Amino acid sequence: MYYRAMSNKPNDKNSLWRAIVEVAFIVFLFYANLLMGEFTASAGRGKTLKMALQDIITPANFLIATFSAIIGYLVFEFLRRKS
């Protein structure tokens, strides 16, 4: 039992959860960036949070965020394993 906890081989379940959390965090950052962009001076005054969320939460944006997050995760995993 102690040996398994100290081994360098990653647990598959932990690796999957780590991947899910990291991809979800990248998606969160993507949407946070879009939301901040909705409230810049060029977006106009008087825009409500509800209106901004309706503008950014679309299937196309979700697909872009998910695809980008997976690519980002794969790049960082490659760099982690390389070092």
Protein backbone atom coordinates (compact mmCIF):
# COMPACT_ATOMS: atom_id res chain seq x y z
CA MET A 1 0.00 0.00 0.00
CA TYR A 2 2.78 2.42 0.89
CA TYR A 3 4.66 1.44 -2.27
CA ARG A 4 1.70 2.27 -4.50
CA ALA A 5 1.32 5.72 -2.96
CA MET A 6 4.99 6.45 -3.55
CA SER A 7 5.21 5.13 -7.12
CA ASN A 8 5.69 7.54 -10.02
CA LYS A 9 3.04 5.86 -12.16
CA PRO A 10 -0.02 8.13 -12.29
CA ASN A 11 -3.35 6.66 -11.32
CA ASP A 12 -5.72 6.57 -14.32
CA LYS A 13 -8.64 7.89 -12.28
CA ASN A 14 -6.56 10.80 -10.97
CA SER A 15 -5.27 11.55 -14.46
CA LEU A 16 -8.80 11.68 -15.83
CA TRP A 17 -10.00 14.04 -13.08
CA ARG A 18 -6.93 16.21 -13.56
CA ALA A 19 -7.64 16.46 -17.29
CA ILE A 20 -11.31 17.32 -16.67
CA VAL A 21 -10.43 20.02 -14.14
CA GLU A 22 -7.75 21.56 -16.34
CA VAL A 23 -9.97 21.60 -19.44
CA ALA A 24 -12.85 23.07 -17.41
CA PHE A 25 -10.56 25.79 -16.07
CA ILE A 26 -9.44 26.73 -19.58
CA VAL A 27 -13.09 26.90 -20.69
CA PHE A 28 -13.83 29.10 -17.66
CA LEU A 29 -11.01 31.46 -18.64
CA PHE A 30 -12.31 31.59 -22.21
CA TYR A 31 -15.80 32.58 -21.08
CA ALA A 32 -14.44 35.05 -18.51
CA ASN A 33 -12.48 36.72 -21.30
CA LEU A 34 -15.57 36.88 -23.53
CA LEU A 35 -17.67 38.29 -20.71
CA MET A 36 -15.12 41.00 -19.97
CA GLY A 37 -15.08 41.86 -23.66
CA GLU A 38 -18.83 42.38 -23.59
CA PHE A 39 -18.40 45.15 -21.02
CA THR A 40 -15.68 47.18 -22.71
CA ALA A 41 -16.35 50.74 -23.86
CA SER A 42 -16.92 49.56 -27.42
CA ALA A 43 -19.75 47.23 -26.33
CA GLY A 44 -21.98 50.08 -25.32
CA ARG A 45 -23.42 51.33 -22.06
CA GLY A 46 -26.46 49.95 -20.35
CA LYS A 47 -25.78 46.33 -21.23
CA THR A 48 -26.93 43.99 -18.50
CA LEU A 49 -25.26 40.81 -17.34
CA LYS A 50 -28.17 38.79 -18.70
CA MET A 51 -27.77 40.34 -22.16
CA ALA A 52 -24.01 39.71 -22.10
CA LEU A 53 -24.46 36.06 -21.10
CA GLN A 54 -27.02 35.56 -23.87
CA ASP A 55 -24.49 36.93 -26.35
CA ILE A 56 -21.59 34.73 -25.28
CA ILE A 57 -23.22 31.43 -24.31
CA THR A 58 -23.76 29.90 -27.72
CA PRO A 59 -23.08 26.44 -29.14
CA ALA A 60 -20.39 27.87 -31.41
CA ASN A 61 -18.56 29.52 -28.52
CA PHE A 62 -18.81 26.34 -26.45
CA LEU A 63 -17.37 24.29 -29.29
CA ILE A 64 -14.50 26.74 -29.75
CA ALA A 65 -13.81 26.84 -26.00
CA THR A 66 -13.84 23.05 -25.65
CA PHE A 67 -11.66 22.47 -28.72
CA SER A 68 -9.17 25.13 -27.60
CA ALA A 69 -9.12 23.79 -24.04
CA ILE A 70 -8.34 20.26 -25.21
CA ILE A 71 -5.52 21.50 -27.43
CA GLY A 72 -4.18 23.62 -24.57
CA TYR A 73 -4.32 20.68 -22.20
CA LEU A 74 -2.47 18.43 -24.65
CA VAL A 75 0.25 21.03 -25.19
CA PHE A 76 0.79 21.49 -21.45
CA GLU A 77 0.83 17.73 -20.86
CA PHE A 78 3.45 17.37 -23.60
CA LEU A 79 5.58 20.06 -21.97
CA ARG A 80 5.15 18.49 -18.51
CA ARG A 81 6.27 15.09 -19.74
CA LYS A 82 9.15 16.54 -21.72
CA SER A 83 10.76 18.22 -18.70
